[in-house]
């Protein structure tokens, strides 16, 4: 039976303290792989806490891949040995290369006004943007930093913003870095291009399949070789090795579009893969990690990187608005030095004014307040949409999963209609959706699954949109 002194939780919640204790024992090997952990009720009695506390701690461990469950048997510890290898069972799968069909729409960051509900849009809720606070800080910056605003920003961004990001990463993601490791850019699109120049045009870049097509398009435009690695299944690293890639671009905390979290064992194997060669690196795209609806955010891969192999990327587009083109990357120290020596001649692509305003917005605590407010807003939107689905006839023919993180979930529907035809019929009725199959490159697509982005959909239109989808089934 596990024994922990719960009085040492301090300012931490009890469940988070317990989660940290169990996680530490798993990583250190004190709790062995495949060992069964105590039932929730028995551990609650032993520690003198509520069953809910145990449930929440186990849920976080389960989400991060430290434990797994077996029906009617309980919870067991995952083997996270970094040197462990798993044999891939030969699967008879038909792979097919294909181009995106003309009737499929590209990713949209903005809501199309012609739709009642645009579930293909992944933009932020513009009504929730803190206009008054942003305007107030802008006026203050214009008055206080008149001379600074007329100076050319350093190529990596202003020191004030980089310092603010350092503090933000430490507090929000427990990422310990220095301002010298940070590079500011107008959107991740621009940063991808800098990475190719920094890491090399002679490298092979791997991207997730399914995935966001824009990533592979940008890499391809720089003339580098791009391979697509299937993410569905439990052996991503084995598939990565077969691709002969040098660089891999991934979203381990919340994959888009499937919504899955990379298990911790696979994360260690991925780091081990990168450490095997000096030319290998991992680009960790942490684009919507702030919006985990249950439990704590999934720790960044950068947190467990001890060999300086992870380049961390994030953006303010999801938390603020995509109209403010402000993103950043955190380079390992040796790559940061290389960047300063070879690429510092580039001008920063973000306006100096926006940088100072964002820095002050973070430093004065407005950003944290905004994130908390947006998390509550999006949780309420998600809950409203899930309730509408559950109370509609659609619940008889549809299944929802991966709804606990990010700003989208997967809606699987029992229909014989093709994805393209189903999407076309919905758009004719005023509801825009994008099929999961549209995000595949070479791997065999999953049919009848749809990516439901709800962040920019008005809550009062969700019930009507669900009804339109249900009517298509005539249920």
Protein backbone atom coordinates (compact mmCIF):
# COMPACT_ATOMS: atom_id res chain seq x y z
CA UNK A 1 0.00 0.00 0.00
CA UNK A 2 1.29 3.46 -0.90
CA UNK A 3 2.10 5.65 2.09
CA UNK A 4 2.50 9.39 1.67
CA UNK A 5 2.35 12.20 4.21
CA UNK A 6 -0.53 14.25 2.84
CA UNK A 7 0.13 17.01 5.39
CA UNK A 8 3.13 17.99 3.25
CA UNK A 9 0.91 19.04 0.36
CA UNK A 10 1.34 22.67 1.38
CA UNK A 11 -0.27 25.07 -1.12
CA UNK A 12 -0.79 22.23 -3.61
CA UNK A 13 -4.18 20.61 -3.88
CA UNK A 14 -4.22 17.16 -2.27
CA UNK A 15 -4.80 15.35 -5.55
CA UNK A 16 -1.95 17.16 -7.29
CA UNK A 17 0.45 16.44 -4.43
CA UNK A 18 -0.51 12.75 -4.53
CA UNK A 19 -0.13 12.69 -8.31
CA UNK A 20 3.39 14.15 -7.95
CA UNK A 21 4.35 11.57 -5.29
CA UNK A 22 3.19 8.59 -7.34
CA UNK A 23 4.72 10.00 -10.53
CA UNK A 24 8.08 10.48 -8.78
CA UNK A 25 8.06 6.87 -7.54
CA UNK A 26 7.19 5.56 -11.01
CA UNK A 27 9.97 7.56 -12.70
CA UNK A 28 12.54 6.54 -10.06
CA UNK A 29 11.58 2.88 -10.39
CA UNK A 30 10.34 2.56 -6.83
CA UNK A 31 7.01 1.46 -8.28
CA UNK A 32 7.74 -1.19 -10.90
CA UNK A 33 6.36 -1.48 -14.42
CA UNK A 34 3.09 -3.41 -14.68
CA UNK A 35 2.69 -3.31 -10.90
CA UNK A 36 -0.92 -2.93 -9.86
CA UNK A 37 -1.59 0.18 -7.81
CA UNK A 38 -4.11 0.27 -4.94
CA UNK A 39 -7.80 0.68 -5.62
CA UNK A 40 -9.15 4.19 -5.20
CA UNK A 41 -11.21 3.31 -2.15
CA UNK A 42 -8.48 1.41 -0.30
CA UNK A 43 -5.87 4.13 -0.97
CA UNK A 44 -8.32 6.82 0.15
CA UNK A 45 -8.84 4.99 3.45
CA UNK A 46 -5.10 4.47 3.93
CA UNK A 47 -4.20 8.12 3.30
CA UNK A 48 -7.24 9.59 5.04
CA UNK A 49 -8.45 11.51 2.01
CA UNK A 50 -11.57 11.40 -0.13
CA UNK A 51 -12.06 8.97 -2.99
CA UNK A 52 -12.46 12.01 -5.26
CA UNK A 53 -8.88 13.04 -4.43
CA UNK A 54 -7.62 9.61 -5.49
CA UNK A 55 -9.78 9.67 -8.64
CA UNK A 56 -8.36 13.03 -9.71
CA UNK A 57 -4.75 11.95 -9.06
CA UNK A 58 -5.25 8.71 -11.00
CA UNK A 59 -6.99 10.60 -13.83
CA UNK A 60 -3.96 12.88 -14.25
CA UNK A 61 -1.55 9.91 -14.20
CA UNK A 62 -3.74 8.14 -16.73
CA UNK A 63 -3.91 11.20 -19.00
CA UNK A 64 -0.11 11.56 -19.00
CA UNK A 65 0.41 7.85 -19.67
CA UNK A 66 2.04 6.84 -16.37
CA UNK A 67 -0.64 4.26 -15.63
CA UNK A 68 -3.14 2.23 -17.63
CA UNK A 69 -6.40 0.56 -16.69
CA UNK A 70 -7.75 -2.90 -17.32
CA UNK A 71 -11.52 -3.46 -17.11
CA UNK A 72 -12.60 -5.04 -13.81
CA UNK A 73 -8.96 -5.42 -12.75
CA UNK A 74 -7.76 -1.93 -11.83
CA UNK A 75 -4.84 0.36 -12.61
CA UNK A 76 -1.29 -0.70 -13.51
CA UNK A 77 2.02 1.09 -14.01
CA UNK A 78 3.29 1.75 -17.55
CA UNK A 79 6.85 0.73 -18.44
CA UNK A 80 8.58 4.06 -19.06
CA UNK A 81 12.11 2.70 -19.39
CA UNK A 82 13.73 4.96 -21.98
CA UNK A 83 15.78 2.10 -23.36
CA UNK A 84 12.83 -0.24 -23.67
CA UNK A 85 11.92 -1.31 -27.14
CA UNK A 86 8.67 -2.69 -28.32
CA UNK A 87 8.26 -5.05 -31.21
CA UNK A 88 5.84 -3.83 -33.81
CA UNK A 89 3.38 -6.45 -34.94
CA UNK A 90 3.21 -6.66 -38.69
CA UNK A 91 -0.04 -5.17 -39.80
CA UNK A 92 -1.63 -5.61 -43.14
CA UNK A 93 -2.54 -2.00 -43.86
CA UNK A 94 -3.14 -0.43 -47.19
CA UNK A 95 -1.30 2.84 -47.46
CA UNK A 96 -2.19 5.21 -50.16
CA UNK A 97 -0.80 8.56 -51.16
CA UNK A 98 -3.40 11.10 -51.93
CA UNK A 99 -3.84 14.80 -52.47
CA UNK A 100 -6.48 16.78 -50.69
CA UNK A 101 -9.59 16.65 -52.83
CA UNK A 102 -11.00 19.87 -54.25
CA UNK A 103 -14.21 19.55 -52.27
CA UNK A 104 -12.27 19.51 -49.01
CA UNK A 105 -11.65 22.88 -47.41
CA UNK A 106 -8.39 24.06 -45.94
CA UNK A 107 -8.07 24.82 -42.24
CA UNK A 108 -9.80 28.05 -41.31
CA UNK A 109 -8.88 30.33 -38.44
CA UNK A 110 -11.87 32.58 -38.86
CA UNK A 111 -15.59 32.01 -38.63
CA UNK A 112 -17.41 32.22 -41.95
CA UNK A 113 -20.50 34.42 -41.48
CA UNK A 114 -22.56 32.42 -43.98
CA UNK A 115 -22.69 29.45 -41.59
CA UNK A 116 -25.00 29.03 -38.61
CA UNK A 117 -22.11 27.22 -36.94
CA UNK A 118 -18.59 26.85 -38.32
CA UNK A 119 -17.04 23.86 -36.56
CA UNK A 120 -14.13 23.90 -39.02
CA UNK A 121 -12.90 27.24 -37.67
CA UNK A 122 -10.22 26.99 -35.01
CA UNK A 123 -10.06 30.69 -34.19
CA UNK A 124 -10.42 32.25 -30.75
CA UNK A 125 -13.66 33.79 -29.53
CA UNK A 126 -13.14 37.38 -30.64
CA UNK A 127 -15.93 38.64 -28.37
CA UNK A 128 -13.84 37.62 -25.36
CA UNK A 129 -10.74 39.61 -26.33
CA UNK A 130 -9.83 42.02 -23.48
CA UNK A 131 -10.14 45.16 -25.59
CA UNK A 132 -10.35 47.67 -22.75
CA UNK A 133 -7.32 46.28 -20.92
CA UNK A 134 -5.31 45.97 -24.12
CA UNK A 135 -6.18 49.55 -25.11
CA UNK A 136 -5.26 50.83 -21.63
CA UNK A 137 -1.85 49.13 -21.70
CA UNK A 138 -1.23 50.30 -25.28
CA UNK A 139 -1.81 53.91 -24.23
CA UNK A 140 0.55 53.47 -21.27
CA UNK A 141 3.27 51.98 -23.45
CA UNK A 142 2.89 54.80 -26.00
CA UNK A 143 3.39 57.34 -23.21
CA UNK A 144 6.12 55.54 -21.27
CA UNK A 145 8.28 54.13 -24.07
CA UNK A 146 8.22 56.72 -26.82
CA UNK A 147 11.96 56.51 -27.45
CA UNK A 148 12.06 52.70 -27.15
CA UNK A 149 9.28 52.33 -29.70
CA UNK A 150 11.37 54.14 -32.27
CA UNK A 151 14.32 51.80 -31.75
CA UNK A 152 14.74 48.72 -33.93
CA UNK A 153 13.83 45.58 -32.01
CA UNK A 154 16.55 42.92 -31.66
CA UNK A 155 16.12 40.10 -34.17
CA UNK A 156 15.11 37.68 -31.39
CA UNK A 157 12.60 40.14 -29.91
CA UNK A 158 12.67 42.70 -27.13
CA UNK A 159 14.30 41.65 -23.87
CA UNK A 160 11.19 42.74 -21.95
CA UNK A 161 8.93 40.30 -23.79
CA UNK A 162 11.44 37.47 -23.63
CA UNK A 163 11.77 37.96 -19.88
CA UNK A 164 8.00 37.99 -19.49
CA UNK A 165 7.75 34.73 -21.46
CA UNK A 166 10.43 33.16 -19.24
CA UNK A 167 8.35 33.94 -16.16
CA UNK A 168 5.16 32.78 -17.85
CA UNK A 169 6.69 29.46 -18.89
CA UNK A 170 8.06 28.89 -15.40
CA UNK A 171 4.70 29.55 -13.74
CA UNK A 172 2.36 27.94 -16.28
CA UNK A 173 4.41 25.05 -17.70
CA UNK A 174 7.25 24.60 -15.18
CA UNK A 175 9.72 25.17 -18.02
CA UNK A 176 13.02 26.62 -16.83
CA UNK A 177 14.75 28.66 -19.54
CA UNK A 178 16.58 31.95 -20.04
CA UNK A 179 15.69 34.97 -22.23
CA UNK A 180 18.68 34.14 -24.44
CA UNK A 181 16.96 30.89 -25.53
CA UNK A 182 13.82 32.62 -26.80
CA UNK A 183 13.14 33.84 -30.34
CA UNK A 184 10.02 35.91 -31.08
CA UNK A 185 8.30 35.71 -34.45
CA UNK A 186 5.12 36.77 -36.24
CA UNK A 187 3.39 33.40 -36.15
CA UNK A 188 4.74 29.87 -36.03
CA UNK A 189 4.78 29.81 -39.85
CA UNK A 190 7.74 32.19 -39.77
CA UNK A 191 9.47 30.24 -36.99
CA UNK A 192 9.25 26.98 -38.97
CA UNK A 193 11.26 28.66 -41.72
CA UNK A 194 13.91 29.82 -39.26
CA UNK A 195 14.17 26.28 -37.90
CA UNK A 196 14.88 24.84 -41.34
CA UNK A 197 17.69 27.36 -41.78
CA UNK A 198 19.01 26.61 -38.29
CA UNK A 199 18.77 22.80 -38.37
CA UNK A 200 19.68 22.31 -42.01
CA UNK A 201 18.25 21.98 -45.50
CA UNK A 202 19.91 18.58 -45.83
CA UNK A 203 17.83 17.03 -43.05
CA UNK A 204 14.71 14.88 -43.42
CA UNK A 205 11.74 16.32 -41.52
CA UNK A 206 8.97 14.09 -40.17
CA UNK A 207 5.46 15.38 -39.50
CA UNK A 208 2.48 13.65 -37.93
CA UNK A 209 -0.04 11.75 -40.04
CA UNK A 210 -2.82 12.79 -39.66
CA UNK A 211 -1.78 16.34 -38.99
CA UNK A 212 -2.05 19.99 -39.91
CA UNK A 213 -1.22 20.16 -43.61
CA UNK A 214 0.22 23.66 -43.35
CA UNK A 215 3.24 22.36 -41.42
CA UNK A 216 4.36 19.96 -44.14
CA UNK A 217 3.58 22.54 -46.82
CA UNK A 218 5.86 25.10 -45.19
CA UNK A 219 8.71 22.62 -44.77
CA UNK A 220 8.27 21.46 -48.37
CA UNK A 221 8.41 25.07 -49.63
CA UNK A 222 11.90 25.30 -48.15
CA UNK A 223 12.95 22.38 -50.34
CA UNK A 224 13.57 19.88 -47.54
CA UNK A 225 12.47 16.26 -47.60
CA UNK A 226 9.27 15.66 -45.63
CA UNK A 227 8.04 12.25 -44.44
CA UNK A 228 4.67 11.56 -42.85
CA UNK A 229 4.67 9.30 -39.79
CA UNK A 230 1.41 7.66 -38.64
CA UNK A 231 0.45 8.62 -35.09
CA UNK A 232 -2.41 6.21 -34.57
CA UNK A 233 -1.31 3.12 -32.70
CA UNK A 234 1.17 2.68 -29.86
CA UNK A 235 4.49 2.68 -31.71
CA UNK A 236 5.08 6.14 -33.09
CA UNK A 237 8.83 5.98 -32.43
CA UNK A 238 9.19 2.68 -34.29
CA UNK A 239 7.42 4.22 -37.28
CA UNK A 240 9.64 7.30 -36.95
CA UNK A 241 12.78 5.15 -37.10
CA UNK A 242 11.57 3.53 -40.31
CA UNK A 243 11.08 6.98 -41.87
CA UNK A 244 14.82 7.77 -41.55
CA UNK A 245 13.92 11.29 -40.40
CA UNK A 246 16.37 13.59 -38.63
CA UNK A 247 13.86 16.12 -37.30
CA UNK A 248 10.36 15.31 -36.02
CA UNK A 249 7.60 17.89 -35.57
CA UNK A 250 5.06 16.75 -32.98
CA UNK A 251 2.36 17.91 -30.55
CA UNK A 252 2.75 15.40 -27.69
CA UNK A 253 0.56 17.16 -25.10
CA UNK A 254 -2.47 17.34 -27.39
CA UNK A 255 -2.21 16.08 -30.92
CA UNK A 256 -4.14 17.81 -33.66
CA UNK A 257 -6.49 16.60 -34.98
CA UNK A 258 -6.94 13.32 -33.04
CA UNK A 259 -6.72 15.01 -29.61
CA UNK A 260 -4.53 12.23 -28.21
CA UNK A 261 -1.80 12.59 -25.58
CA UNK A 262 1.52 10.85 -26.22
CA UNK A 263 2.10 8.30 -23.40
CA UNK A 264 5.04 9.07 -21.15
CA UNK A 265 6.82 5.85 -22.12
CA UNK A 266 6.70 6.85 -25.77
CA UNK A 267 8.01 10.30 -24.83
CA UNK A 268 11.09 8.79 -23.24
CA UNK A 269 11.63 6.55 -26.26
CA UNK A 270 11.33 9.62 -28.47
CA UNK A 271 14.00 11.44 -26.46
CA UNK A 272 16.17 8.33 -26.62
CA UNK A 273 15.75 8.30 -30.42
CA UNK A 274 16.87 11.94 -30.63
CA UNK A 275 19.89 11.31 -28.40
CA UNK A 276 21.19 8.55 -30.71
CA UNK A 277 22.44 11.05 -33.31
CA UNK A 278 23.81 14.61 -33.06
CA UNK A 279 21.73 15.70 -36.06
CA UNK A 280 18.38 14.62 -34.59
CA UNK A 281 15.98 17.09 -32.94
CA UNK A 282 12.39 17.21 -31.76
CA UNK A 283 10.19 20.23 -32.52
CA UNK A 284 7.55 20.29 -29.78
CA UNK A 285 4.49 22.30 -30.87
CA UNK A 286 2.59 23.13 -27.67
CA UNK A 287 -0.03 25.24 -29.44
CA UNK A 288 -3.07 24.83 -27.12
CA UNK A 289 -1.65 23.34 -23.93
CA UNK A 290 -3.31 26.07 -21.86
CA UNK A 291 -6.76 24.60 -22.44
CA UNK A 292 -6.95 21.33 -20.58
CA UNK A 293 -10.51 21.10 -19.23
CA UNK A 294 -9.89 18.47 -16.53
CA UNK A 295 -6.85 18.07 -14.30
CA UNK A 296 -3.52 19.81 -14.72
CA UNK A 297 -1.93 20.60 -18.10
CA UNK A 298 0.15 17.75 -19.52
CA UNK A 299 3.86 18.45 -18.80
CA UNK A 300 5.89 19.57 -21.78
CA UNK A 301 8.36 17.19 -23.39
CA UNK A 302 10.93 19.94 -22.90
CA UNK A 303 10.64 19.33 -19.13
CA UNK A 304 12.25 15.88 -19.33
CA UNK A 305 14.79 16.70 -22.04
CA UNK A 306 18.28 16.46 -20.53
CA UNK A 307 20.24 16.21 -23.79
CA UNK A 308 19.16 19.53 -25.36
CA UNK A 309 17.19 17.91 -28.15
CA UNK A 310 13.83 19.67 -27.90
CA UNK A 311 12.87 22.93 -29.58
CA UNK A 312 9.72 24.23 -27.88
CA UNK A 313 7.17 26.24 -29.91
CA UNK A 314 4.06 28.08 -28.78
CA UNK A 315 1.84 30.95 -29.85
CA UNK A 316 -0.52 33.54 -28.41
CA UNK A 317 -2.95 32.99 -31.29
CA UNK A 318 -5.05 30.48 -29.35
CA UNK A 319 -5.11 32.35 -26.06
CA UNK A 320 -5.44 35.91 -27.42
CA UNK A 321 -6.25 36.20 -31.13
CA UNK A 322 -4.61 35.10 -34.36
CA UNK A 323 -4.76 38.73 -35.49
CA UNK A 324 -1.88 39.45 -33.10
CA UNK A 325 0.84 37.55 -34.95
CA UNK A 326 2.96 36.74 -31.93
CA UNK A 327 4.64 33.38 -31.41
CA UNK A 328 7.89 32.21 -29.87
CA UNK A 329 10.29 29.29 -29.75
CA UNK A 330 12.64 28.14 -27.02
CA UNK A 331 15.94 26.82 -28.35
CA UNK A 332 18.30 24.50 -26.44
CA UNK A 333 21.33 26.55 -25.28
CA UNK A 334 23.71 25.27 -27.98
CA UNK A 335 21.14 25.96 -30.74
CA UNK A 336 20.46 29.40 -29.26
CA UNK A 337 24.16 30.16 -29.56
CA UNK A 338 24.16 28.90 -33.15
CA UNK A 339 21.14 31.06 -33.93
CA UNK A 340 22.83 34.18 -32.56
CA UNK A 341 25.98 33.43 -34.57
CA UNK A 342 24.29 32.60 -37.87
CA UNK A 343 20.76 34.05 -38.03
CA UNK A 344 20.70 37.10 -35.75
CA UNK A 345 20.88 39.35 -38.84
CA UNK A 346 17.13 38.79 -39.35
CA UNK A 347 14.84 41.59 -38.18
CA UNK A 348 12.12 40.69 -35.70
CA UNK A 349 8.81 40.35 -37.56
CA UNK A 350 6.65 41.48 -34.62
CA UNK A 351 6.09 45.19 -34.10
CA UNK A 352 7.93 46.69 -31.15
CA UNK A 353 4.67 48.15 -29.83
CA UNK A 354 2.95 44.76 -29.74
CA UNK A 355 5.94 43.26 -27.97
CA UNK A 356 5.99 45.85 -25.21
CA UNK A 357 2.22 45.70 -24.77
CA UNK A 358 2.26 41.89 -24.53
CA UNK A 359 5.13 41.98 -22.05
CA UNK A 360 3.27 44.37 -19.79
CA UNK A 361 0.04 42.40 -20.22
CA UNK A 362 1.87 39.35 -18.86
CA UNK A 363 3.85 41.12 -16.14
CA UNK A 364 0.81 42.84 -14.60
CA UNK A 365 -1.05 39.53 -14.29
CA UNK A 366 -3.65 40.28 -16.95
CA UNK A 367 -2.59 37.33 -19.07
CA UNK A 368 -3.12 34.82 -16.27
CA UNK A 369 -6.53 36.33 -15.54
CA UNK A 370 -7.41 36.20 -19.24
CA UNK A 371 -6.33 32.54 -19.55
CA UNK A 372 -8.47 31.54 -16.57
CA UNK A 373 -11.44 33.41 -18.00
CA UNK A 374 -11.00 31.87 -21.44
CA UNK A 375 -10.61 28.40 -19.97
CA UNK A 376 -13.92 28.82 -18.15
CA UNK A 377 -15.55 30.26 -21.29
CA UNK A 378 -14.42 27.41 -23.51
CA UNK A 379 -15.32 24.80 -20.90
CA UNK A 380 -18.84 26.22 -20.75
CA UNK A 381 -19.04 26.20 -24.56
CA UNK A 382 -17.86 22.62 -24.71
CA UNK A 383 -20.31 21.56 -22.01
CA UNK A 384 -23.17 23.32 -23.79
CA UNK A 385 -22.34 21.55 -27.04
CA UNK A 386 -21.93 18.15 -25.39
CA UNK A 387 -25.23 18.62 -23.56
CA UNK A 388 -26.96 19.54 -26.82
CA UNK A 389 -25.60 16.37 -28.43
CA UNK A 390 -26.52 14.20 -25.45
CA UNK A 391 -30.09 15.52 -25.34
CA UNK A 392 -30.63 15.24 -29.08
CA UNK A 393 -31.44 12.26 -31.25
CA UNK A 394 -27.85 12.52 -32.47
CA UNK A 395 -26.75 10.71 -29.31
CA UNK A 396 -28.20 7.49 -30.77
CA UNK A 397 -25.85 7.49 -33.76
CA UNK A 398 -22.80 9.44 -32.57
CA UNK A 399 -19.97 9.04 -30.11
CA UNK A 400 -17.79 11.82 -28.64
CA UNK A 401 -14.20 11.34 -27.50
CA UNK A 402 -11.01 13.30 -26.71
CA UNK A 403 -13.12 16.14 -25.29
CA UNK A 404 -11.05 16.88 -22.16
CA UNK A 405 -8.33 19.01 -23.72
CA UNK A 406 -7.84 21.64 -26.36
CA UNK A 407 -10.61 23.42 -28.21
CA UNK A 408 -11.95 20.56 -30.29
CA UNK A 409 -13.16 17.00 -29.94
CA UNK A 410 -13.89 14.10 -32.26
CA UNK A 411 -17.46 13.24 -33.19
CA UNK A 412 -17.79 9.77 -34.68
CA UNK A 413 -21.05 9.11 -36.52
CA UNK A 414 -22.63 5.88 -37.62
CA UNK A 415 -23.34 6.63 -41.26
CA UNK A 416 -22.74 5.02 -44.63
CA UNK A 417 -22.45 8.42 -46.27
CA UNK A 418 -18.92 9.37 -47.35
CA UNK A 419 -17.12 12.07 -45.40
CA UNK A 420 -17.08 14.40 -48.39
CA UNK A 421 -20.78 13.95 -49.11
CA UNK A 422 -21.76 14.28 -45.46
CA UNK A 423 -19.77 17.51 -45.11
CA UNK A 424 -21.26 18.88 -48.34
CA UNK A 425 -24.82 18.23 -47.15
CA UNK A 426 -24.14 19.90 -43.81
CA UNK A 427 -22.63 22.98 -45.44
CA UNK A 428 -25.73 23.29 -47.60
CA UNK A 429 -27.73 23.38 -44.34
CA UNK A 430 -25.49 26.05 -42.81
CA UNK A 431 -23.17 23.90 -40.65
CA UNK A 432 -19.50 23.62 -41.58
CA UNK A 433 -17.51 20.60 -40.40
CA UNK A 434 -14.20 19.07 -41.36
CA UNK A 435 -13.69 15.31 -41.45
CA UNK A 436 -10.76 13.71 -39.65
CA UNK A 437 -9.96 11.89 -42.90
CA UNK A 438 -9.13 15.23 -44.51
CA UNK A 439 -6.05 15.54 -42.32
CA UNK A 440 -4.40 12.33 -43.51
CA UNK A 441 -1.50 12.27 -45.95
CA UNK A 442 -0.49 8.64 -46.53
CA UNK A 443 -1.90 6.59 -43.67
CA UNK A 444 -5.30 4.99 -44.15
CA UNK A 445 -7.93 7.50 -42.96
CA UNK A 446 -10.47 6.87 -40.24
CA UNK A 447 -13.88 7.34 -41.82
CA UNK A 448 -17.01 8.92 -40.35
CA UNK A 449 -15.12 10.92 -37.75
CA UNK A 450 -15.34 14.71 -37.64
CA UNK A 451 -13.19 17.33 -35.93
CA UNK A 452 -15.49 19.64 -33.97
CA UNK A 453 -13.83 22.99 -33.20
CA UNK A 454 -16.14 24.89 -30.86
CA UNK A 455 -14.06 27.88 -29.73
CA UNK A 456 -15.55 30.43 -32.14
CA UNK A 457 -19.10 29.01 -32.33
CA UNK A 458 -21.74 31.04 -30.54
CA UNK A 459 -23.32 29.12 -27.67
CA UNK A 460 -26.87 30.10 -28.62
CA UNK A 461 -26.42 28.49 -32.05
CA UNK A 462 -25.10 25.14 -30.86
CA UNK A 463 -28.47 23.49 -30.23
CA UNK A 464 -29.72 24.42 -33.68
CA UNK A 465 -26.50 23.17 -35.30
CA UNK A 466 -26.79 19.83 -33.50
CA UNK A 467 -30.39 19.53 -34.63
CA UNK A 468 -29.34 20.10 -38.25
CA UNK A 469 -26.72 17.33 -37.97
CA UNK A 470 -29.28 14.98 -36.35
CA UNK A 471 -31.85 15.70 -39.07
CA UNK A 472 -29.38 14.48 -41.66
CA UNK A 473 -29.72 11.03 -40.11
CA UNK A 474 -33.50 11.34 -39.88
CA UNK A 475 -33.39 9.98 -36.34
